[in-house]
């Protein structure tokens, strides 16, 4: 079992509330109560939330659901969700965010919170409309991005790679398929996300399990069906100032065992969540994790790789 100390440093800019007075909503979370809002004009439909707290509550609930449940949730809403239209998205930062976050935005990367329409653009969140009036200059009201993980850098041509700059601690395995001219690689990546909207904030620790191929412009999701086998155990905790609450998102201590067949997209396993105030400027994830992750292309047993943590 590996013991990892992941330190995060950032300068948190105090974000003035970019909305008017929000409607307080203390009712219990009810997924079926969320309705789509049709904005003025010819824009795509988008979800409406009474408040920022309502937005985060829904995000946190979706975070612990699997992808099938998330897709079913958005299909029951009367809007064109980004999660169902990722092939149309050109924002690489948004595509790297948790699927639970993507589920709350429409295909134009917009969401309606209280009296404001918010647009996501390359890691930042901007208010672009208030009370049906478009703003001449968008107002920055938050961000959603991948946090840098400060660990030593190691690189190899193939096999295990200990660190991928800017994305997180990861293990990789490169290989060739005889029937293809491309290089392929499996990636098992431990990463952290930070989301701040109107001075409310959450950080998420998660595993991202990917299968990619290399083409002229870089690495891209391979899209080939593969089977996954996951066996993980351990625990995570966090240290730092400004922390409001810590939540473990799956049972580390008793072990997490799961098998998935015919997976074509990156697969994420949320591990833990921290809610914090906007003054947090440094914290440390303390992670002890062990187990194995196996990936194999369907029908190609020679592509099997078991990654030991």
C-alpha atoms as a PDB file:
ATOM      1  CA  UNK A   1       0.000   0.000   0.000  1.00  0.00           C
ATOM      2  CA  UNK A   2       1.327   3.400  -0.935  1.00  0.00           C
ATOM      3  CA  UNK A   3       1.239   6.399   1.377  1.00  0.00           C
ATOM      4  CA  UNK A   4       0.859   9.624  -0.574  1.00  0.00           C
ATOM      5  CA  UNK A   5       1.040  13.188   0.690  1.00  0.00           C
ATOM      6  CA  UNK A   6      -0.441  15.492  -1.897  1.00  0.00           C
ATOM      7  CA  UNK A   7       0.026  19.185  -1.188  1.00  0.00           C
ATOM      8  CA  UNK A   8      -1.935  21.913  -2.902  1.00  0.00           C
ATOM      9  CA  UNK A   9      -0.991  25.562  -3.009  1.00  0.00           C
ATOM     10  CA  UNK A  10      -3.069  28.309  -4.489  1.00  0.00           C
ATOM     11  CA  UNK A  11      -3.872  31.952  -4.160  1.00  0.00           C
ATOM     12  CA  UNK A  12      -7.590  32.239  -3.531  1.00  0.00           C
ATOM     13  CA  UNK A  13      -8.960  35.517  -4.737  1.00  0.00           C
ATOM     14  CA  UNK A  14     -11.883  36.748  -2.712  1.00  0.00           C
ATOM     15  CA  UNK A  15     -14.758  36.716  -5.172  1.00  0.00           C
ATOM     16  CA  UNK A  16     -17.458  39.260  -4.566  1.00  0.00           C
ATOM     17  CA  UNK A  17     -20.891  37.771  -4.803  1.00  0.00           C
ATOM     18  CA  UNK A  18     -21.832  38.121  -8.429  1.00  0.00           C
ATOM     19  CA  UNK A  19     -25.525  37.578  -7.974  1.00  0.00           C
ATOM     20  CA  UNK A  20     -28.313  39.463  -6.330  1.00  0.00           C
ATOM     21  CA  UNK A  21     -29.860  38.181  -3.130  1.00  0.00           C
ATOM     22  CA  UNK A  22     -30.230  34.435  -3.453  1.00  0.00           C
ATOM     23  CA  UNK A  23     -33.407  32.674  -2.428  1.00  0.00           C
ATOM     24  CA  UNK A  24     -32.712  30.552   0.624  1.00  0.00           C
ATOM     25  CA  UNK A  25     -33.619  26.920   0.040  1.00  0.00           C
ATOM     26  CA  UNK A  26     -33.377  24.629   3.056  1.00  0.00           C
ATOM     27  CA  UNK A  27     -35.543  21.859   1.656  1.00  0.00           C
ATOM     28  CA  UNK A  28     -34.157  18.342   1.406  1.00  0.00           C
ATOM     29  CA  UNK A  29     -32.440  17.527  -1.876  1.00  0.00           C
ATOM     30  CA  UNK A  30     -34.990  16.221  -4.359  1.00  0.00           C
ATOM     31  CA  UNK A  31     -33.632  15.458  -7.859  1.00  0.00           C
ATOM     32  CA  UNK A  32     -37.101  15.396  -9.392  1.00  0.00           C
ATOM     33  CA  UNK A  33     -37.766  18.970  -8.266  1.00  0.00           C
ATOM     34  CA  UNK A  34     -35.180  20.509 -10.579  1.00  0.00           C
ATOM     35  CA  UNK A  35     -36.766  21.936 -13.705  1.00  0.00           C
ATOM     36  CA  UNK A  36     -35.248  23.181 -16.941  1.00  0.00           C
ATOM     37  CA  UNK A  37     -35.566  26.863 -17.722  1.00  0.00           C
ATOM     38  CA  UNK A  38     -36.173  28.236 -21.185  1.00  0.00           C
ATOM     39  CA  UNK A  39     -34.225  31.509 -21.466  1.00  0.00           C
ATOM     40  CA  UNK A  40     -35.256  34.447 -23.562  1.00  0.00           C
ATOM     41  CA  UNK A  41     -34.108  34.186 -27.161  1.00  0.00           C
ATOM     42  CA  UNK A  42     -32.960  31.174 -29.136  1.00  0.00           C
ATOM     43  CA  UNK A  43     -30.443  29.808 -26.655  1.00  0.00           C
ATOM     44  CA  UNK A  44     -30.521  26.169 -25.604  1.00  0.00           C
ATOM     45  CA  UNK A  45     -32.547  25.226 -22.555  1.00  0.00           C
ATOM     46  CA  UNK A  46     -30.603  25.105 -19.294  1.00  0.00           C
ATOM     47  CA  UNK A  47     -31.102  23.971 -15.710  1.00  0.00           C
ATOM     48  CA  UNK A  48     -32.347  26.432 -13.113  1.00  0.00           C
ATOM     49  CA  UNK A  49     -31.235  26.413  -9.457  1.00  0.00           C
ATOM     50  CA  UNK A  50     -32.676  28.596  -6.706  1.00  0.00           C
ATOM     51  CA  UNK A  51     -29.270  29.236  -5.178  1.00  0.00           C
ATOM     52  CA  UNK A  52     -25.583  28.378  -5.304  1.00  0.00           C
ATOM     53  CA  UNK A  53     -26.153  26.028  -2.356  1.00  0.00           C
ATOM     54  CA  UNK A  54     -28.822  24.253  -4.402  1.00  0.00           C
ATOM     55  CA  UNK A  55     -26.350  23.885  -7.293  1.00  0.00           C
ATOM     56  CA  UNK A  56     -23.678  22.346  -5.046  1.00  0.00           C
ATOM     57  CA  UNK A  57     -26.176  20.055  -3.334  1.00  0.00           C
ATOM     58  CA  UNK A  58     -27.204  18.595  -6.685  1.00  0.00           C
ATOM     59  CA  UNK A  59     -23.569  18.320  -7.823  1.00  0.00           C
ATOM     60  CA  UNK A  60     -22.612  16.445  -4.652  1.00  0.00           C
ATOM     61  CA  UNK A  61     -25.545  14.057  -5.029  1.00  0.00           C
ATOM     62  CA  UNK A  62     -24.704  13.261  -8.661  1.00  0.00           C
ATOM     63  CA  UNK A  63     -21.044  12.828  -7.754  1.00  0.00           C
ATOM     64  CA  UNK A  64     -21.721   9.559  -5.928  1.00  0.00           C
ATOM     65  CA  UNK A  65     -23.844   8.140  -8.763  1.00  0.00           C
ATOM     66  CA  UNK A  66     -22.351   6.069 -11.581  1.00  0.00           C
ATOM     67  CA  UNK A  67     -22.323   7.351 -15.153  1.00  0.00           C
ATOM     68  CA  UNK A  68     -25.459   5.439 -16.171  1.00  0.00           C
ATOM     69  CA  UNK A  69     -27.410   7.032 -13.319  1.00  0.00           C
ATOM     70  CA  UNK A  70     -26.037  10.463 -14.225  1.00  0.00           C
ATOM     71  CA  UNK A  71     -27.080  10.038 -17.867  1.00  0.00           C
ATOM     72  CA  UNK A  72     -30.527   8.850 -16.799  1.00  0.00           C
ATOM     73  CA  UNK A  73     -30.840  11.903 -14.549  1.00  0.00           C
ATOM     74  CA  UNK A  74     -30.073  14.381 -17.339  1.00  0.00           C
ATOM     75  CA  UNK A  75     -32.312  12.523 -19.805  1.00  0.00           C
ATOM     76  CA  UNK A  76     -35.231  13.166 -17.450  1.00  0.00           C
ATOM     77  CA  UNK A  77     -34.604  16.905 -17.637  1.00  0.00           C
ATOM     78  CA  UNK A  78     -35.939  19.021 -20.447  1.00  0.00           C
ATOM     79  CA  UNK A  79     -32.619  20.394 -21.683  1.00  0.00           C
ATOM     80  CA  UNK A  80     -29.658  19.470 -23.886  1.00  0.00           C
ATOM     81  CA  UNK A  81     -27.091  18.542 -21.250  1.00  0.00           C
ATOM     82  CA  UNK A  82     -23.394  18.770 -21.952  1.00  0.00           C
ATOM     83  CA  UNK A  83     -23.015  15.259 -20.523  1.00  0.00           C
ATOM     84  CA  UNK A  84     -25.129  13.938 -23.396  1.00  0.00           C
ATOM     85  CA  UNK A  85     -23.354  16.089 -25.993  1.00  0.00           C
ATOM     86  CA  UNK A  86     -19.660  15.981 -25.062  1.00  0.00           C
ATOM     87  CA  UNK A  87     -18.728  15.320 -28.693  1.00  0.00           C
ATOM     88  CA  UNK A  88     -19.803  18.911 -29.446  1.00  0.00           C
ATOM     89  CA  UNK A  89     -17.646  20.458 -26.704  1.00  0.00           C
ATOM     90  CA  UNK A  90     -14.326  22.116 -27.583  1.00  0.00           C
ATOM     91  CA  UNK A  91     -13.520  23.302 -24.053  1.00  0.00           C
ATOM     92  CA  UNK A  92     -10.765  20.888 -22.993  1.00  0.00           C
ATOM     93  CA  UNK A  93     -10.868  22.037 -19.370  1.00  0.00           C
ATOM     94  CA  UNK A  94     -14.586  21.332 -19.017  1.00  0.00           C
ATOM     95  CA  UNK A  95     -14.109  17.911 -20.632  1.00  0.00           C
ATOM     96  CA  UNK A  96     -11.581  17.127 -17.879  1.00  0.00           C
ATOM     97  CA  UNK A  97     -14.033  17.989 -15.090  1.00  0.00           C
ATOM     98  CA  UNK A  98     -16.151  15.381 -13.234  1.00  0.00           C
ATOM     99  CA  UNK A  99     -19.173  14.124 -15.161  1.00  0.00           C
ATOM    100  CA  UNK A 100     -21.404  15.210 -12.271  1.00  0.00           C
ATOM    101  CA  UNK A 101     -20.267  18.788 -12.942  1.00  0.00           C
ATOM    102  CA  UNK A 102     -20.793  18.469 -16.706  1.00  0.00           C
ATOM    103  CA  UNK A 103     -24.325  17.184 -16.069  1.00  0.00           C
ATOM    104  CA  UNK A 104     -25.421  20.553 -14.662  1.00  0.00           C
ATOM    105  CA  UNK A 105     -24.518  22.599 -17.748  1.00  0.00           C
ATOM    106  CA  UNK A 106     -26.174  22.635 -21.138  1.00  0.00           C
ATOM    107  CA  UNK A 107     -24.291  21.998 -24.373  1.00  0.00           C
ATOM    108  CA  UNK A 108     -23.419  25.714 -24.520  1.00  0.00           C
ATOM    109  CA  UNK A 109     -21.774  25.411 -21.052  1.00  0.00           C
ATOM    110  CA  UNK A 110     -24.419  27.550 -19.349  1.00  0.00           C
ATOM    111  CA  UNK A 111     -26.486  27.196 -16.179  1.00  0.00           C
ATOM    112  CA  UNK A 112     -29.092  29.443 -14.519  1.00  0.00           C
ATOM    113  CA  UNK A 113     -28.558  30.128 -10.781  1.00  0.00           C
ATOM    114  CA  UNK A 114     -31.086  32.419  -9.129  1.00  0.00           C
ATOM    115  CA  UNK A 115     -31.379  35.551 -11.318  1.00  0.00           C
ATOM    116  CA  UNK A 116     -28.135  34.984 -13.230  1.00  0.00           C
ATOM    117  CA  UNK A 117     -27.018  32.960 -16.219  1.00  0.00           C
ATOM    118  CA  UNK A 118     -23.491  31.637 -15.733  1.00  0.00           C
ATOM    119  CA  UNK A 119     -21.162  30.544 -18.519  1.00  0.00           C
ATOM    120  CA  UNK A 120     -18.186  28.204 -18.083  1.00  0.00           C
ATOM    121  CA  UNK A 121     -15.137  29.091 -20.180  1.00  0.00           C
ATOM    122  CA  UNK A 122     -11.736  27.361 -19.886  1.00  0.00           C
ATOM    123  CA  UNK A 123     -11.788  26.949 -16.123  1.00  0.00           C
ATOM    124  CA  UNK A 124     -13.590  30.173 -15.190  1.00  0.00           C
ATOM    125  CA  UNK A 125     -17.257  30.882 -14.458  1.00  0.00           C
ATOM    126  CA  UNK A 126     -18.752  34.170 -15.612  1.00  0.00           C
ATOM    127  CA  UNK A 127     -22.123  35.822 -15.057  1.00  0.00           C
ATOM    128  CA  UNK A 128     -23.250  36.870 -18.534  1.00  0.00           C
ATOM    129  CA  UNK A 129     -26.875  37.804 -17.828  1.00  0.00           C
ATOM    130  CA  UNK A 130     -28.828  39.093 -14.811  1.00  0.00           C
ATOM    131  CA  UNK A 131     -32.627  39.357 -14.696  1.00  0.00           C
ATOM    132  CA  UNK A 132     -32.871  38.673 -18.444  1.00  0.00           C
ATOM    133  CA  UNK A 133     -30.426  41.490 -19.236  1.00  0.00           C
ATOM    134  CA  UNK A 134     -27.178  40.584 -20.976  1.00  0.00           C
ATOM    135  CA  UNK A 135     -24.077  42.158 -19.458  1.00  0.00           C
ATOM    136  CA  UNK A 136     -21.696  44.140 -21.631  1.00  0.00           C
ATOM    137  CA  UNK A 137     -18.782  42.782 -19.612  1.00  0.00           C
ATOM    138  CA  UNK A 138     -19.058  39.313 -18.023  1.00  0.00           C
ATOM    139  CA  UNK A 139     -18.443  39.156 -14.253  1.00  0.00           C
ATOM    140  CA  UNK A 140     -16.065  36.519 -12.894  1.00  0.00           C
ATOM    141  CA  UNK A 141     -17.897  34.634 -10.140  1.00  0.00           C
ATOM    142  CA  UNK A 142     -15.827  31.490  -9.698  1.00  0.00           C
ATOM    143  CA  UNK A 143     -13.820  28.727 -11.294  1.00  0.00           C
ATOM    144  CA  UNK A 144     -13.753  24.992 -11.796  1.00  0.00           C
ATOM    145  CA  UNK A 145     -10.434  23.387 -12.593  1.00  0.00           C
ATOM    146  CA  UNK A 146      -7.925  20.618 -11.904  1.00  0.00           C
ATOM    147  CA  UNK A 147      -5.601  21.365  -8.992  1.00  0.00           C
ATOM    148  CA  UNK A 148      -1.888  20.800  -9.398  1.00  0.00           C
ATOM    149  CA  UNK A 149      -0.544  17.946  -7.311  1.00  0.00           C
ATOM    150  CA  UNK A 150       2.921  18.658  -5.938  1.00  0.00           C
ATOM    151  CA  UNK A 151       4.855  15.374  -6.135  1.00  0.00           C
ATOM    152  CA  UNK A 152       8.274  14.454  -7.613  1.00  0.00           C
ATOM    153  CA  UNK A 153       8.359  14.058 -11.385  1.00  0.00           C
ATOM    154  CA  UNK A 154       9.419  10.767 -12.981  1.00  0.00           C
ATOM    155  CA  UNK A 155       9.118   9.815 -16.626  1.00  0.00           C
ATOM    156  CA  UNK A 156       9.663   6.674 -18.682  1.00  0.00           C
ATOM    157  CA  UNK A 157       9.238   5.885 -22.371  1.00  0.00           C
ATOM    158  CA  UNK A 158       6.748   3.122 -21.617  1.00  0.00           C
ATOM    159  CA  UNK A 159       5.284   1.385 -18.615  1.00  0.00           C
ATOM    160  CA  UNK A 160       4.734   3.275 -15.382  1.00  0.00           C
ATOM    161  CA  UNK A 161       4.919   7.047 -15.211  1.00  0.00           C
ATOM    162  CA  UNK A 162       4.795   8.579 -11.754  1.00  0.00           C
ATOM    163  CA  UNK A 163       3.578  12.067 -12.575  1.00  0.00           C
ATOM    164  CA  UNK A 164       1.842  13.921 -15.377  1.00  0.00           C
ATOM    165  CA  UNK A 165       2.435  17.666 -15.016  1.00  0.00           C
ATOM    166  CA  UNK A 166      -0.699  19.667 -14.398  1.00  0.00           C
ATOM    167  CA  UNK A 167      -3.056  16.716 -14.116  1.00  0.00           C
ATOM    168  CA  UNK A 168      -2.065  14.488 -11.230  1.00  0.00           C
ATOM    169  CA  UNK A 169      -0.235  11.462  -9.934  1.00  0.00           C
ATOM    170  CA  UNK A 170      -0.703   8.641 -12.407  1.00  0.00           C
ATOM    171  CA  UNK A 171       0.441   5.278 -13.719  1.00  0.00           C
ATOM    172  CA  UNK A 172       0.563   4.758 -17.486  1.00  0.00           C
ATOM    173  CA  UNK A 173       1.198   1.821 -19.788  1.00  0.00           C
ATOM    174  CA  UNK A 174       1.968   2.313 -23.510  1.00  0.00           C
ATOM    175  CA  UNK A 175       1.567  -0.458 -26.069  1.00  0.00           C
ATOM    176  CA  UNK A 176       0.945  -1.216 -29.744  1.00  0.00           C
ATOM    177  CA  UNK A 177      -1.924  -3.150 -31.287  1.00  0.00           C
ATOM    178  CA  UNK A 178      -0.803  -5.216 -34.334  1.00  0.00           C
ATOM    179  CA  UNK A 179      -3.881  -4.249 -36.338  1.00  0.00           C
ATOM    180  CA  UNK A 180      -3.331  -0.505 -35.849  1.00  0.00           C
ATOM    181  CA  UNK A 181      -0.659   2.051 -36.741  1.00  0.00           C
ATOM    182  CA  UNK A 182      -1.312   4.071 -33.565  1.00  0.00           C
ATOM    183  CA  UNK A 183       0.261   3.935 -30.139  1.00  0.00           C
ATOM    184  CA  UNK A 184      -2.106   3.307 -27.246  1.00  0.00           C
ATOM    185  CA  UNK A 185      -1.885   3.783 -23.500  1.00  0.00           C
ATOM    186  CA  UNK A 186      -3.835   3.009 -20.367  1.00  0.00           C
ATOM    187  CA  UNK A 187      -3.854   5.745 -17.729  1.00  0.00           C
ATOM    188  CA  UNK A 188      -4.834   5.404 -14.064  1.00  0.00           C
ATOM    189  CA  UNK A 189      -4.676   8.896 -12.635  1.00  0.00           C
ATOM    190  CA  UNK A 190      -5.203  10.310  -9.147  1.00  0.00           C
ATOM    191  CA  UNK A 191      -6.330  13.916  -9.466  1.00  0.00           C
ATOM    192  CA  UNK A 192      -8.038  16.706  -7.540  1.00  0.00           C
ATOM    193  CA  UNK A 193     -10.631  19.237  -8.684  1.00  0.00           C
ATOM    194  CA  UNK A 194     -11.558  22.555  -7.119  1.00  0.00           C
ATOM    195  CA  UNK A 195     -14.881  24.278  -7.796  1.00  0.00           C
ATOM    196  CA  UNK A 196     -15.712  27.750  -6.447  1.00  0.00           C
ATOM    197  CA  UNK A 197     -18.930  29.648  -7.173  1.00  0.00           C
ATOM    198  CA  UNK A 198     -19.993  32.765  -5.279  1.00  0.00           C
ATOM    199  CA  UNK A 199     -17.646  32.062  -2.358  1.00  0.00           C
ATOM    200  CA  UNK A 200     -18.897  28.491  -1.931  1.00  0.00           C
ATOM    201  CA  UNK A 201     -16.266  25.862  -2.667  1.00  0.00           C
ATOM    202  CA  UNK A 202     -15.564  22.129  -2.903  1.00  0.00           C
ATOM    203  CA  UNK A 203     -12.492  20.050  -3.687  1.00  0.00           C
ATOM    204  CA  UNK A 204     -12.815  16.510  -5.054  1.00  0.00           C
ATOM    205  CA  UNK A 205     -10.205  13.724  -4.978  1.00  0.00           C
ATOM    206  CA  UNK A 206     -10.826  11.103  -7.675  1.00  0.00           C
ATOM    207  CA  UNK A 207      -9.335   8.322  -9.780  1.00  0.00           C
ATOM    208  CA  UNK A 208      -9.580   8.811 -13.551  1.00  0.00           C
ATOM    209  CA  UNK A 209      -9.179   5.602 -15.587  1.00  0.00           C
ATOM    210  CA  UNK A 210      -8.524   6.255 -19.278  1.00  0.00           C
ATOM    211  CA  UNK A 211      -7.629   4.525 -22.553  1.00  0.00           C
ATOM    212  CA  UNK A 212      -6.076   6.774 -25.213  1.00  0.00           C
ATOM    213  CA  UNK A 213      -4.369   6.647 -28.595  1.00  0.00           C
ATOM    214  CA  UNK A 214      -1.740   8.976 -30.024  1.00  0.00           C
ATOM    215  CA  UNK A 215      -2.475  10.918 -33.188  1.00  0.00           C
ATOM    216  CA  UNK A 216      -0.846  13.939 -34.818  1.00  0.00           C
ATOM    217  CA  UNK A 217      -2.155  16.498 -32.311  1.00  0.00           C
ATOM    218  CA  UNK A 218      -1.538  14.450 -29.164  1.00  0.00           C
ATOM    219  CA  UNK A 219      -3.385  11.880 -27.073  1.00  0.00           C
ATOM    220  CA  UNK A 220      -7.125  11.335 -27.449  1.00  0.00           C
ATOM    221  CA  UNK A 221      -9.734   8.952 -26.035  1.00  0.00           C
ATOM    222  CA  UNK A 222      -9.399   5.694 -27.973  1.00  0.00           C
ATOM    223  CA  UNK A 223     -13.130   4.971 -27.951  1.00  0.00           C
ATOM    224  CA  UNK A 224     -12.598   1.196 -28.164  1.00  0.00           C
ATOM    225  CA  UNK A 225     -14.660  -0.984 -25.803  1.00  0.00           C
ATOM    226  CA  UNK A 226     -12.659  -2.282 -22.862  1.00  0.00           C
ATOM    227  CA  UNK A 227     -13.319  -4.126 -19.623  1.00  0.00           C
ATOM    228  CA  UNK A 228     -12.280  -2.754 -16.230  1.00  0.00           C
ATOM    229  CA  UNK A 229     -11.678  -4.544 -12.943  1.00  0.00           C
ATOM    230  CA  UNK A 230     -11.107  -2.363  -9.866  1.00  0.00           C
ATOM    231  CA  UNK A 231     -10.011  -3.472  -6.381  1.00  0.00           C
ATOM    232  CA  UNK A 232      -8.968  -0.625  -4.091  1.00  0.00           C
ATOM    233  CA  UNK A 233      -8.695  -0.114  -0.352  1.00  0.00           C
ATOM    234  CA  UNK A 234      -7.183   2.451   1.970  1.00  0.00           C
ATOM    235  CA  UNK A 235      -8.281   5.848   3.167  1.00  0.00           C
ATOM    236  CA  UNK A 236      -7.996   9.583   2.663  1.00  0.00           C
ATOM    237  CA  UNK A 237      -8.020  12.572   4.968  1.00  0.00           C
ATOM    238  CA  UNK A 238      -7.254  16.250   4.608  1.00  0.00           C
ATOM    239  CA  UNK A 239      -5.389  18.821   6.655  1.00  0.00           C
ATOM    240  CA  UNK A 240      -5.566  22.581   6.310  1.00  0.00           C
ATOM    241  CA  UNK A 241      -7.235  25.803   7.376  1.00  0.00           C
ATOM    242  CA  UNK A 242     -10.702  26.884   6.320  1.00  0.00           C
ATOM    243  CA  UNK A 243     -12.074  23.336   5.989  1.00  0.00           C
ATOM    244  CA  UNK A 244     -15.802  23.109   6.710  1.00  0.00           C
ATOM    245  CA  UNK A 245     -16.505  19.408   6.111  1.00  0.00           C
ATOM    246  CA  UNK A 246     -14.869  16.213   4.842  1.00  0.00           C
ATOM    247  CA  UNK A 247     -16.762  13.388   3.124  1.00  0.00           C
ATOM    248  CA  UNK A 248     -15.450   9.966   2.077  1.00  0.00           C
ATOM    249  CA  UNK A 249     -17.265   9.037  -1.133  1.00  0.00           C
ATOM    250  CA  UNK A 250     -16.718   5.295  -1.197  1.00  0.00           C
ATOM    251  CA  UNK A 251     -15.848   2.717   1.505  1.00  0.00           C
ATOM    252  CA  UNK A 252     -12.050   2.679   1.467  1.00  0.00           C
ATOM    253  CA  UNK A 253     -11.682   0.668   4.668  1.00  0.00           C
ATOM    254  CA  UNK A 254     -13.920  -2.225   3.627  1.00  0.00           C
ATOM    255  CA  UNK A 255     -12.589  -2.098   0.070  1.00  0.00           C
ATOM    256  CA  UNK A 256     -14.018  -1.024  -3.265  1.00  0.00           C
ATOM    257  CA  UNK A 257     -14.550  -3.799  -5.821  1.00  0.00           C
ATOM    258  CA  UNK A 258     -16.205  -3.180  -9.195  1.00  0.00           C
ATOM    259  CA  UNK A 259     -16.237  -4.615 -12.712  1.00  0.00           C
ATOM    260  CA  UNK A 260     -17.318  -2.757 -15.842  1.00  0.00           C
ATOM    261  CA  UNK A 261     -17.710  -4.195 -19.336  1.00  0.00           C
ATOM    262  CA  UNK A 262     -17.620  -2.524 -22.757  1.00  0.00           C
ATOM    263  CA  UNK A 263     -16.541   0.863 -21.403  1.00  0.00           C
ATOM    264  CA  UNK A 264     -15.632   3.351 -24.163  1.00  0.00           C
ATOM    265  CA  UNK A 265     -15.226   6.611 -22.217  1.00  0.00           C
ATOM    266  CA  UNK A 266     -12.870   7.638 -19.399  1.00  0.00           C
ATOM    267  CA  UNK A 267     -14.140   6.223 -16.111  1.00  0.00           C
ATOM    268  CA  UNK A 268     -13.940   8.171 -12.857  1.00  0.00           C
ATOM    269  CA  UNK A 269     -14.071   6.956  -9.262  1.00  0.00           C
ATOM    270  CA  UNK A 270     -14.637   9.822  -6.768  1.00  0.00           C
ATOM    271  CA  UNK A 271     -12.761   9.105  -3.530  1.00  0.00           C
ATOM    272  CA  UNK A 272     -13.339  12.059  -1.212  1.00  0.00           C
ATOM    273  CA  UNK A 273     -14.810  15.554  -1.028  1.00  0.00           C
ATOM    274  CA  UNK A 274     -13.847  18.584   1.032  1.00  0.00           C
ATOM    275  CA  UNK A 275     -16.066  21.647   1.499  1.00  0.00           C
ATOM    276  CA  UNK A 276     -14.105  24.741   2.472  1.00  0.00           C
ATOM    277  CA  UNK A 277     -14.408  28.487   2.775  1.00  0.00           C
ATOM    278  CA  UNK A 278     -13.016  30.825   0.168  1.00  0.00           C
ATOM    279  CA  UNK A 279     -10.065  31.828   2.351  1.00  0.00           C
ATOM    280  CA  UNK A 280      -8.428  28.396   2.107  1.00  0.00           C
ATOM    281  CA  UNK A 281      -4.970  28.831   0.563  1.00  0.00           C
ATOM    282  CA  UNK A 282      -3.188  25.600   1.462  1.00  0.00           C
ATOM    283  CA  UNK A 283      -4.194  22.054   2.324  1.00  0.00           C
ATOM    284  CA  UNK A 284      -2.780  18.537   2.149  1.00  0.00           C
ATOM    285  CA  UNK A 285      -4.518  15.360   1.046  1.00  0.00           C
ATOM    286  CA  UNK A 286      -3.231  12.439   3.136  1.00  0.00           C
ATOM    287  CA  UNK A 287      -3.941   9.328   1.059  1.00  0.00           C
ATOM    288  CA  UNK A 288      -3.109   5.692   1.795  1.00  0.00           C
ATOM    289  CA  UNK A 289      -4.233   3.484  -1.074  1.00  0.00           C
ATOM    290  CA  UNK A 290      -3.568  -0.032  -2.281  1.00  0.00           C
ATOM    291  CA  UNK A 291      -5.007  -2.526  -4.733  1.00  0.00           C
ATOM    292  CA  UNK A 292      -5.092  -3.061  -8.455  1.00  0.00           C
ATOM    293  CA  UNK A 293      -6.810  -1.856 -11.612  1.00  0.00           C
ATOM    294  CA  UNK A 294      -6.973  -4.058 -14.720  1.00  0.00           C
ATOM    295  CA  UNK A 295      -7.851  -2.814 -18.209  1.00  0.00           C
ATOM    296  CA  UNK A 296      -8.163  -4.930 -21.364  1.00  0.00           C
ATOM    297  CA  UNK A 297      -9.549  -4.212 -24.838  1.00  0.00           C
ATOM    298  CA  UNK A 298     -12.570  -6.423 -25.500  1.00  0.00           C
ATOM    299  CA  UNK A 299     -11.533  -9.475 -27.533  1.00  0.00           C
ATOM    300  CA  UNK A 300      -7.799  -8.678 -27.294  1.00  0.00           C
ATOM    301  CA  UNK A 301      -6.385 -10.515 -24.278  1.00  0.00           C
ATOM    302  CA  UNK A 302      -2.829  -9.493 -25.225  1.00  0.00           C
ATOM    303  CA  UNK A 303      -3.711  -5.874 -24.326  1.00  0.00           C
ATOM    304  CA  UNK A 304      -4.439  -6.677 -20.667  1.00  0.00           C
ATOM    305  CA  UNK A 305      -2.604  -4.599 -18.038  1.00  0.00           C
ATOM    306  CA  UNK A 306      -2.884  -4.844 -14.271  1.00  0.00           C
ATOM    307  CA  UNK A 307      -1.716  -1.750 -12.420  1.00  0.00           C
ATOM    308  CA  UNK A 308      -0.637  -2.296  -8.812  1.00  0.00           C
ATOM    309  CA  UNK A 309      -1.023   0.570  -6.328  1.00  0.00           C
END
